[in-house]
PDB file of N, CA and C in Angstrom:
ATOM      1  N   MET A   1    -118.769   1.252 -67.130  1.00  0.00           N
ATOM      2  CA  MET A   1    -118.627   0.790 -65.555  1.00  0.00           C
ATOM      3  C   MET A   1    -119.527   1.247 -64.624  1.00  0.00           C
ATOM      4  N   GLU A   2    -120.079   0.528 -63.975  1.00  0.00           N
ATOM      5  CA  GLU A   2    -121.325   0.630 -62.802  1.00  0.00           C
ATOM      6  C   GLU A   2    -120.977   1.261 -61.467  1.00  0.00           C
ATOM      7  N   TYR A   3    -120.944   1.972 -60.870  1.00  0.00           N
ATOM      8  CA  TYR A   3    -120.066   2.220 -59.515  1.00  0.00           C
ATOM      9  C   TYR A   3    -121.067   1.730 -58.748  1.00  0.00           C
ATOM     10  N   GLU A   4    -120.509   1.284 -57.900  1.00  0.00           N
ATOM     11  CA  GLU A   4    -121.260   0.580 -56.250  1.00  0.00           C
ATOM     12  C   GLU A   4    -121.697   1.888 -55.503  1.00  0.00           C
ATOM     13  N   ILE A   5    -122.534   2.317 -54.895  1.00  0.00           N
ATOM     14  CA  ILE A   5    -122.915   3.289 -53.663  1.00  0.00           C
ATOM     15  C   ILE A   5    -123.068   2.464 -52.945  1.00  0.00           C
ATOM     16  N   VAL A   6    -122.298   3.364 -51.546  1.00  0.00           N
ATOM     17  CA  VAL A   6    -122.707   2.899 -50.165  1.00  0.00           C
ATOM     18  C   VAL A   6    -123.460   4.221 -49.508  1.00  0.00           C
ATOM     19  N   TYR A   7    -124.084   4.265 -48.502  1.00  0.00           N
ATOM     20  CA  TYR A   7    -124.785   4.973 -47.635  1.00  0.00           C
ATOM     21  C   TYR A   7    -124.293   5.055 -46.515  1.00  0.00           C
ATOM     22  N   TRP A   8    -124.375   6.659 -45.986  1.00  0.00           N
ATOM     23  CA  TRP A   8    -123.949   7.111 -44.893  1.00  0.00           C
ATOM     24  C   TRP A   8    -125.202   6.974 -44.275  1.00  0.00           C
ATOM     25  N   PRO A   9    -125.480   6.613 -42.804  1.00  0.00           N
ATOM     26  CA  PRO A   9    -126.114   6.534 -41.817  1.00  0.00           C
ATOM     27  C   PRO A   9    -127.763   8.006 -42.191  1.00  0.00           C
ATOM     28  N   ALA A  10    -127.216   8.873 -42.052  1.00  0.00           N
ATOM     29  CA  ALA A  10    -128.169   9.837 -41.924  1.00  0.00           C
ATOM     30  C   ALA A  10    -128.828   9.617 -43.762  1.00  0.00           C
ATOM     31  N   ALA A  11    -128.046   9.178 -44.675  1.00  0.00           N
ATOM     32  CA  ALA A  11    -128.941   9.380 -45.899  1.00  0.00           C
ATOM     33  C   ALA A  11    -129.790   7.679 -45.785  1.00  0.00           C
ATOM     34  N   ASP A  12    -129.389   6.751 -45.041  1.00  0.00           N
ATOM     35  CA  ASP A  12    -130.341   5.461 -45.084  1.00  0.00           C
ATOM     36  C   ASP A  12    -131.453   5.752 -44.490  1.00  0.00           C
ATOM     37  N   ASP A  13    -131.525   6.467 -43.340  1.00  0.00           N
ATOM     38  CA  ASP A  13    -132.749   6.769 -42.419  1.00  0.00           C
ATOM     39  C   ASP A  13    -133.637   8.077 -43.686  1.00  0.00           C
ATOM     40  N   ALA A  14    -133.116   8.389 -44.501  1.00  0.00           N
ATOM     41  CA  ALA A  14    -133.825   9.774 -45.125  1.00  0.00           C
ATOM     42  C   ALA A  14    -134.382   9.044 -46.379  1.00  0.00           C
ATOM     43  N   LEU A  15    -134.013   7.885 -46.820  1.00  0.00           N
ATOM     44  CA  LEU A  15    -134.345   7.134 -47.757  1.00  0.00           C
ATOM     45  C   LEU A  15    -135.375   6.096 -47.169  1.00  0.00           C
ATOM     46  N   ALA A  16    -135.203   5.702 -46.101  1.00  0.00           N
ATOM     47  CA  ALA A  16    -136.241   4.945 -45.055  1.00  0.00           C
ATOM     48  C   ALA A  16    -137.362   5.558 -45.198  1.00  0.00           C
ATOM     49  N   GLY A  17    -137.161   6.607 -44.851  1.00  0.00           N
ATOM     50  CA  GLY A  17    -138.338   7.895 -44.405  1.00  0.00           C
ATOM     51  C   GLY A  17    -139.217   7.746 -45.956  1.00  0.00           C
ATOM     52  N   LEU A  18    -138.773   8.034 -46.852  1.00  0.00           N
ATOM     53  CA  LEU A  18    -139.673   8.557 -48.361  1.00  0.00           C
ATOM     54  C   LEU A  18    -139.780   7.370 -48.290  1.00  0.00           C
ATOM     55  N   GLU A  19    -139.075   6.040 -48.350  1.00  0.00           N
ATOM     56  CA  GLU A  19    -140.403   4.847 -48.565  1.00  0.00           C
ATOM     57  C   GLU A  19    -141.293   4.290 -48.057  1.00  0.00           C
ATOM     58  N   ASN A  20    -141.050   4.618 -46.839  1.00  0.00           N
ATOM     59  CA  ASN A  20    -142.162   3.834 -45.867  1.00  0.00           C
ATOM     60  C   ASN A  20    -143.152   5.292 -45.787  1.00  0.00           C
ATOM     61  N   ASP A  21    -143.143   6.034 -46.440  1.00  0.00           N
ATOM     62  CA  ASP A  21    -144.024   7.626 -46.654  1.00  0.00           C
ATOM     63  C   ASP A  21    -145.116   7.281 -47.541  1.00  0.00           C
ATOM     64  N   PRO A  22    -146.410   6.746 -47.611  1.00  0.00           N
ATOM     65  CA  PRO A  22    -146.917   7.014 -49.292  1.00  0.00           C
ATOM     66  C   PRO A  22    -147.128   8.312 -49.420  1.00  0.00           C
ATOM     67  N   ALA A  23    -147.344   9.487 -48.642  1.00  0.00           N
ATOM     68  CA  ALA A  23    -147.310  10.862 -49.082  1.00  0.00           C
ATOM     69  C   ALA A  23    -145.960  11.262 -50.002  1.00  0.00           C
ATOM     70  N   MET A  24    -145.245  10.489 -49.584  1.00  0.00           N
ATOM     71  CA  MET A  24    -143.759  10.746 -50.230  1.00  0.00           C
ATOM     72  C   MET A  24    -143.292  10.127 -51.795  1.00  0.00           C
ATOM     73  N   ALA A  25    -144.434   8.874 -51.817  1.00  0.00           N
ATOM     74  CA  ALA A  25    -143.937   8.187 -53.203  1.00  0.00           C
ATOM     75  C   ALA A  25    -143.747   8.540 -54.386  1.00  0.00           C
ATOM     76  N   GLY A  26    -144.075   9.867 -54.712  1.00  0.00           N
ATOM     77  CA  GLY A  26    -143.212  10.622 -55.762  1.00  0.00           C
ATOM     78  C   GLY A  26    -141.824  11.044 -55.610  1.00  0.00           C
ATOM     79  N   VAL A  27    -141.540  11.603 -54.439  1.00  0.00           N
ATOM     80  CA  VAL A  27    -140.391  11.697 -54.290  1.00  0.00           C
ATOM     81  C   VAL A  27    -139.329  10.533 -54.103  1.00  0.00           C
ATOM     82  N   TRP A  28    -139.644   9.446 -53.761  1.00  0.00           N
ATOM     83  CA  TRP A  28    -138.597   8.350 -53.670  1.00  0.00           C
ATOM     84  C   TRP A  28    -138.530   7.734 -54.675  1.00  0.00           C
ATOM     85  N   ARG A  29    -139.337   7.497 -55.741  1.00  0.00           N
ATOM     86  CA  ARG A  29    -139.072   6.850 -57.199  1.00  0.00           C
ATOM     87  C   ARG A  29    -138.284   7.623 -57.814  1.00  0.00           C
ATOM     88  N   ALA A  30    -138.190   9.396 -57.615  1.00  0.00           N
ATOM     89  CA  ALA A  30    -137.362  10.336 -58.605  1.00  0.00           C
ATOM     90  C   ALA A  30    -136.258  10.135 -57.893  1.00  0.00           C
ATOM     91  N   VAL A  31    -136.124  10.002 -56.392  1.00  0.00           N
ATOM     92  CA  VAL A  31    -134.678   9.922 -55.854  1.00  0.00           C
ATOM     93  C   VAL A  31    -134.169   8.523 -56.428  1.00  0.00           C
ATOM     94  N   ASP A  32    -134.854   7.565 -56.228  1.00  0.00           N
ATOM     95  CA  ASP A  32    -134.484   6.024 -56.749  1.00  0.00           C
ATOM     96  C   ASP A  32    -133.847   5.859 -58.337  1.00  0.00           C
ATOM     97  N   ARG A  33    -134.901   6.476 -58.960  1.00  0.00           N
ATOM     98  CA  ARG A  33    -134.348   7.156 -60.316  1.00  0.00           C
ATOM     99  C   ARG A  33    -132.958   7.413 -60.926  1.00  0.00           C
ATOM    100  N   VAL A  34    -132.601   8.593 -59.948  1.00  0.00           N
ATOM    101  CA  VAL A  34    -131.341   9.388 -59.751  1.00  0.00           C
ATOM    102  C   VAL A  34    -130.710   8.662 -59.125  1.00  0.00           C
ATOM    103  N   LEU A  35    -130.563   7.736 -57.941  1.00  0.00           N
ATOM    104  CA  LEU A  35    -129.361   6.593 -57.873  1.00  0.00           C
ATOM    105  C   LEU A  35    -129.265   5.594 -58.929  1.00  0.00           C
ATOM    106  N   GLY A  36    -130.223   5.268 -59.290  1.00  0.00           N
ATOM    107  CA  GLY A  36    -129.550   4.376 -60.528  1.00  0.00           C
ATOM    108  C   GLY A  36    -129.289   5.245 -61.760  1.00  0.00           C
ATOM    109  N   ARG A  37    -128.978   6.463 -62.173  1.00  0.00           N
ATOM    110  CA  ARG A  37    -127.994   7.082 -63.008  1.00  0.00           C
ATOM    111  C   ARG A  37    -126.762   7.599 -62.148  1.00  0.00           C
ATOM    112  N   LEU A  38    -127.157   7.561 -60.853  1.00  0.00           N
ATOM    113  CA  LEU A  38    -125.553   7.829 -60.244  1.00  0.00           C
ATOM    114  C   LEU A  38    -124.663   6.555 -60.369  1.00  0.00           C
ATOM    115  N   ALA A  39    -125.124   5.448 -60.168  1.00  0.00           N
ATOM    116  CA  ALA A  39    -124.471   4.470 -60.220  1.00  0.00           C
ATOM    117  C   ALA A  39    -124.222   4.137 -61.806  1.00  0.00           C
ATOM    118  N   ALA A  40    -124.654   4.142 -62.633  1.00  0.00           N
ATOM    119  CA  ALA A  40    -124.206   4.097 -63.566  1.00  0.00           C
ATOM    120  C   ALA A  40    -123.363   5.271 -64.425  1.00  0.00           C
ATOM    121  N   ASP A  41    -123.290   6.421 -63.812  1.00  0.00           N
ATOM    122  CA  ASP A  41    -122.186   7.575 -64.203  1.00  0.00           C
ATOM    123  C   ASP A  41    -122.737   8.965 -63.408  1.00  0.00           C
ATOM    124  N   PRO A  42    -122.060   8.754 -62.012  1.00  0.00           N
ATOM    125  CA  PRO A  42    -122.214  10.126 -61.290  1.00  0.00           C
ATOM    126  C   PRO A  42    -121.744  11.109 -62.059  1.00  0.00           C
ATOM    127  N   PHE A  43    -120.867  11.175 -63.113  1.00  0.00           N
ATOM    128  CA  PHE A  43    -120.380  12.422 -63.611  1.00  0.00           C
ATOM    129  C   PHE A  43    -120.878  13.102 -65.044  1.00  0.00           C
ATOM    130  N   ASN A  44    -121.898  12.379 -65.079  1.00  0.00           N
ATOM    131  CA  ASN A  44    -122.318  12.628 -66.582  1.00  0.00           C
ATOM    132  C   ASN A  44    -123.457  14.106 -66.195  1.00  0.00           C
ATOM    133  N   PRO A  45    -122.875  15.071 -67.737  1.00  0.00           N
ATOM    134  CA  PRO A  45    -123.249  16.098 -67.470  1.00  0.00           C
ATOM    135  C   PRO A  45    -125.032  16.700 -67.214  1.00  0.00           C
ATOM    136  N   ARG A  46    -125.509  15.410 -67.728  1.00  0.00           N
ATOM    137  CA  ARG A  46    -127.171  15.542 -67.945  1.00  0.00           C
ATOM    138  C   ARG A  46    -127.439  15.454 -66.613  1.00  0.00           C
ATOM    139  N   LEU A  47    -127.078  15.119 -65.680  1.00  0.00           N
ATOM    140  CA  LEU A  47    -127.751  14.878 -64.248  1.00  0.00           C
ATOM    141  C   LEU A  47    -127.566  16.369 -63.261  1.00  0.00           C
ATOM    142  N   GLY A  48    -126.787  17.152 -64.027  1.00  0.00           N
ATOM    143  CA  GLY A  48    -127.172  18.703 -63.446  1.00  0.00           C
ATOM    144  C   GLY A  48    -126.594  18.760 -62.169  1.00  0.00           C
ATOM    145  N   THR A  49    -125.718  17.816 -61.656  1.00  0.00           N
ATOM    146  CA  THR A  49    -125.033  18.104 -60.175  1.00  0.00           C
ATOM    147  C   THR A  49    -124.242  19.108 -60.467  1.00  0.00           C
ATOM    148  N   THR A  50    -124.040  19.430 -59.111  1.00  0.00           N
ATOM    149  CA  THR A  50    -123.470  20.796 -58.526  1.00  0.00           C
ATOM    150  C   THR A  50    -122.121  20.444 -57.806  1.00  0.00           C
ATOM    151  N   ALA A  51    -120.975  20.913 -57.965  1.00  0.00           N
ATOM    152  CA  ALA A  51    -119.941  20.208 -56.524  1.00  0.00           C
ATOM    153  C   ALA A  51    -119.443  21.688 -55.682  1.00  0.00           C
ATOM    154  N   PHE A  52    -119.486  21.312 -54.571  1.00  0.00           N
ATOM    155  CA  PHE A  52    -119.045  22.557 -53.627  1.00  0.00           C
ATOM    156  C   PHE A  52    -117.948  21.908 -52.725  1.00  0.00           C
ATOM    157  N   MET A  53    -117.355  22.800 -52.129  1.00  0.00           N
ATOM    158  CA  MET A  53    -116.657  22.300 -51.110  1.00  0.00           C
ATOM    159  C   MET A  53    -116.972  22.634 -49.254  1.00  0.00           C
ATOM    160  N   THR A  54    -116.690  21.783 -48.387  1.00  0.00           N
ATOM    161  CA  THR A  54    -117.207  22.181 -47.082  1.00  0.00           C
ATOM    162  C   THR A  54    -116.156  22.062 -46.270  1.00  0.00           C
ATOM    163  N   PRO A  55    -115.896  22.550 -45.398  1.00  0.00           N
ATOM    164  CA  PRO A  55    -114.947  22.496 -44.214  1.00  0.00           C
ATOM    165  C   PRO A  55    -114.781  20.985 -43.402  1.00  0.00           C
ATOM    166  N   GLU A  56    -116.417  20.827 -43.601  1.00  0.00           N
ATOM    167  CA  GLU A  56    -116.180  19.111 -42.436  1.00  0.00           C
ATOM    168  C   GLU A  56    -116.210  18.156 -43.489  1.00  0.00           C
ATOM    169  N   LEU A  57    -116.421  18.269 -44.926  1.00  0.00           N
ATOM    170  CA  LEU A  57    -116.225  17.020 -45.488  1.00  0.00           C
ATOM    171  C   LEU A  57    -115.621  17.389 -46.985  1.00  0.00           C
ATOM    172  N   GLY A  58    -115.180  18.249 -47.315  1.00  0.00           N
ATOM    173  CA  GLY A  58    -114.229  18.433 -48.347  1.00  0.00           C
ATOM    174  C   GLY A  58    -115.352  18.536 -49.844  1.00  0.00           C
ATOM    175  N   GLY A  59    -114.965  18.016 -50.591  1.00  0.00           N
ATOM    176  CA  GLY A  59    -115.600  18.120 -52.016  1.00  0.00           C
ATOM    177  C   GLY A  59    -116.903  16.993 -51.639  1.00  0.00           C
ATOM    178  N   VAL A  60    -118.326  17.534 -52.349  1.00  0.00           N
ATOM    179  CA  VAL A  60    -119.467  17.365 -52.438  1.00  0.00           C
ATOM    180  C   VAL A  60    -119.979  17.935 -53.453  1.00  0.00           C
ATOM    181  N   SER A  61    -121.045  16.571 -53.952  1.00  0.00           N
ATOM    182  CA  SER A  61    -121.601  16.745 -54.866  1.00  0.00           C
ATOM    183  C   SER A  61    -123.087  16.847 -54.282  1.00  0.00           C
ATOM    184  N   ALA A  62    -123.876  17.762 -55.287  1.00  0.00           N
ATOM    185  CA  ALA A  62    -125.390  17.774 -54.987  1.00  0.00           C
ATOM    186  C   ALA A  62    -126.054  17.598 -56.808  1.00  0.00           C
ATOM    187  N   THR A  63    -126.950  16.701 -56.221  1.00  0.00           N
ATOM    188  CA  THR A  63    -127.392  16.269 -57.523  1.00  0.00           C
ATOM    189  C   THR A  63    -129.321  16.213 -57.298  1.00  0.00           C
ATOM    190  N   PRO A  64    -129.722  17.208 -58.347  1.00  0.00           N
ATOM    191  CA  PRO A  64    -131.237  17.165 -58.332  1.00  0.00           C
ATOM    192  C   PRO A  64    -131.844  15.716 -58.539  1.00  0.00           C
ATOM    193  N   ALA A  65    -132.864  15.634 -57.751  1.00  0.00           N
ATOM    194  CA  ALA A  65    -133.752  14.365 -57.895  1.00  0.00           C
ATOM    195  C   ALA A  65    -134.902  14.463 -58.857  1.00  0.00           C
ATOM    196  N   GLY A  66    -135.123  15.972 -59.493  1.00  0.00           N
ATOM    197  CA  GLY A  66    -135.735  16.417 -60.582  1.00  0.00           C
ATOM    198  C   GLY A  66    -137.392  16.569 -59.893  1.00  0.00           C
ATOM    199  N   LEU A  67    -137.531  16.601 -58.425  1.00  0.00           N
ATOM    200  CA  LEU A  67    -139.328  16.702 -58.187  1.00  0.00           C
ATOM    201  C   LEU A  67    -138.768  17.566 -56.672  1.00  0.00           C
ATOM    202  N   ASP A  68    -139.591  18.539 -56.930  1.00  0.00           N
ATOM    203  CA  ASP A  68    -139.957  19.414 -55.370  1.00  0.00           C
ATOM    204  C   ASP A  68    -138.513  19.582 -54.251  1.00  0.00           C
ATOM    205  N   ASN A  69    -137.622  19.960 -55.449  1.00  0.00           N
ATOM    206  CA  ASN A  69    -135.811  20.885 -54.747  1.00  0.00           C
ATOM    207  C   ASN A  69    -135.612  19.445 -54.287  1.00  0.00           C
ATOM    208  N   TRP A  70    -135.818  18.333 -54.004  1.00  0.00           N
ATOM    209  CA  TRP A  70    -134.768  17.337 -53.612  1.00  0.00           C
ATOM    210  C   TRP A  70    -133.640  17.412 -53.936  1.00  0.00           C
ATOM    211  N   TYR A  71    -132.668  16.867 -53.174  1.00  0.00           N
ATOM    212  CA  TYR A  71    -131.390  16.586 -54.223  1.00  0.00           C
ATOM    213  C   TYR A  71    -130.609  15.309 -53.400  1.00  0.00           C
ATOM    214  N   ILE A  72    -130.030  14.660 -53.527  1.00  0.00           N
ATOM    215  CA  ILE A  72    -128.751  13.884 -53.641  1.00  0.00           C
ATOM    216  C   ILE A  72    -127.555  14.544 -53.253  1.00  0.00           C
ATOM    217  N   PHE A  73    -127.370  14.021 -51.995  1.00  0.00           N
ATOM    218  CA  PHE A  73    -126.044  14.906 -51.832  1.00  0.00           C
ATOM    219  C   PHE A  73    -124.669  13.779 -51.498  1.00  0.00           C
ATOM    220  N   TRP A  74    -123.713  13.798 -52.187  1.00  0.00           N
ATOM    221  CA  TRP A  74    -122.795  12.468 -52.463  1.00  0.00           C
ATOM    222  C   TRP A  74    -121.126  13.152 -52.535  1.00  0.00           C
ATOM    223  N   GLN A  75    -120.211  12.012 -52.385  1.00  0.00           N
ATOM    224  CA  GLN A  75    -118.910  12.164 -52.801  1.00  0.00           C
ATOM    225  C   GLN A  75    -118.203  10.804 -53.227  1.00  0.00           C
ATOM    226  N   ARG A  76    -117.335  10.887 -53.675  1.00  0.00           N
ATOM    227  CA  ARG A  76    -116.191   9.722 -54.252  1.00  0.00           C
ATOM    228  C   ARG A  76    -115.698   9.468 -52.636  1.00  0.00           C
ATOM    229  N   ALA A  77    -116.078   7.954 -52.789  1.00  0.00           N
ATOM    230  CA  ALA A  77    -115.480   7.405 -51.847  1.00  0.00           C
ATOM    231  C   ALA A  77    -113.736   7.060 -51.987  1.00  0.00           C
ATOM    232  N   PRO A  78    -113.142   6.843 -50.824  1.00  0.00           N
ATOM    233  CA  PRO A  78    -111.800   6.617 -51.128  1.00  0.00           C
ATOM    234  C   PRO A  78    -111.249   5.501 -52.411  1.00  0.00           C
ATOM    235  N   GLU A  79    -112.035   4.142 -51.926  1.00  0.00           N
ATOM    236  CA  GLU A  79    -112.254   3.282 -52.859  1.00  0.00           C
ATOM    237  C   GLU A  79    -112.402   3.919 -54.663  1.00  0.00           C
ATOM    238  N   PRO A  80    -111.529   3.416 -55.897  1.00  0.00           N
ATOM    239  CA  PRO A  80    -112.176   3.428 -56.794  1.00  0.00           C
ATOM    240  C   PRO A  80    -113.395   3.029 -57.164  1.00  0.00           C
ATOM    241  N   GLY A  81    -114.457   3.254 -58.276  1.00  0.00           N
ATOM    242  CA  GLY A  81    -115.833   2.941 -58.289  1.00  0.00           C
ATOM    243  C   GLY A  81    -116.503   3.051 -57.190  1.00  0.00           C
ATOM    244  N   VAL A  82    -116.200   4.134 -56.404  1.00  0.00           N
ATOM    245  CA  VAL A  82    -117.519   3.691 -55.432  1.00  0.00           C
ATOM    246  C   VAL A  82    -117.867   5.140 -55.239  1.00  0.00           C
ATOM    247  N   ILE A  83    -119.046   5.450 -54.835  1.00  0.00           N
ATOM    248  CA  ILE A  83    -119.424   7.094 -54.679  1.00  0.00           C
ATOM    249  C   ILE A  83    -120.087   6.656 -53.212  1.00  0.00           C
ATOM    250  N   GLU A  84    -120.326   7.638 -52.273  1.00  0.00           N
ATOM    251  CA  GLU A  84    -120.900   7.665 -50.873  1.00  0.00           C
ATOM    252  C   GLU A  84    -122.478   8.647 -51.228  1.00  0.00           C
ATOM    253  N   ILE A  85    -123.351   8.081 -50.830  1.00  0.00           N
ATOM    254  CA  ILE A  85    -124.607   9.311 -50.726  1.00  0.00           C
ATOM    255  C   ILE A  85    -124.300   9.601 -48.946  1.00  0.00           C
ATOM    256  N   ILE A  86    -124.056  10.851 -49.151  1.00  0.00           N
ATOM    257  CA  ILE A  86    -123.941  11.549 -47.611  1.00  0.00           C
ATOM    258  C   ILE A  86    -125.429  11.993 -47.050  1.00  0.00           C
ATOM    259  N   GLN A  87    -126.302  12.251 -47.926  1.00  0.00           N
ATOM    260  CA  GLN A  87    -127.520  12.564 -47.401  1.00  0.00           C
ATOM    261  C   GLN A  87    -128.941  12.606 -48.845  1.00  0.00           C
ATOM    262  N   VAL A  88    -130.333  12.876 -48.389  1.00  0.00           N
ATOM    263  CA  VAL A  88    -130.942  12.973 -49.320  1.00  0.00           C
ATOM    264  C   VAL A  88    -131.956  14.053 -48.426  1.00  0.00           C
ATOM    265  N   HIS A  89    -132.053  15.148 -49.269  1.00  0.00           N
ATOM    266  CA  HIS A  89    -132.629  16.514 -48.377  1.00  0.00           C
ATOM    267  C   HIS A  89    -133.037  17.049 -49.278  1.00  0.00           C
ATOM    268  N   PRO A  90    -134.272  18.129 -49.406  1.00  0.00           N
ATOM    269  CA  PRO A  90    -134.938  19.331 -50.188  1.00  0.00           C
ATOM    270  C   PRO A  90    -134.329  20.242 -49.730  1.00  0.00           C
ATOM    271  N   LEU A  91    -133.854  21.100 -50.633  1.00  0.00           N
ATOM    272  CA  LEU A  91    -132.993  22.444 -50.495  1.00  0.00           C
ATOM    273  C   LEU A  91    -134.224  23.542 -50.561  1.00  0.00           C
ATOM    274  N   SER A  92    -134.610  24.710 -49.709  1.00  0.00           N
ATOM    275  CA  SER A  92    -135.025  25.594 -50.062  1.00  0.00           C
ATOM    276  C   SER A  92    -134.172  27.016 -50.130  1.00  0.00           C
ATOM    277  N   LEU A  93    -134.007  27.460 -50.994  1.00  0.00           N
ATOM    278  CA  LEU A  93    -133.345  28.865 -51.471  1.00  0.00           C
ATOM    279  C   LEU A  93    -134.322  30.259 -50.985  1.00  0.00           C
TER     280      LEU A  93
END
């Protein structure tokens, strides 16, 4: 089953910034590849996703893009077969 992906405005802005910045082409390709994998099966353990709870958003998942500590933050939508991309952002620990 292919999942539909919808984007929050912050995620749309982040993706547009990556796509339009030639210096971020590698990050854009990595993020785009992982978005395709999320659409195929967001719950595949090989994605390395970490789930956590936030007071504001409830359950959120963070999937690494595999390049430079970039992560895709997402959650299940209320509708079945849909995931919402909340944000795409690098994490510094």
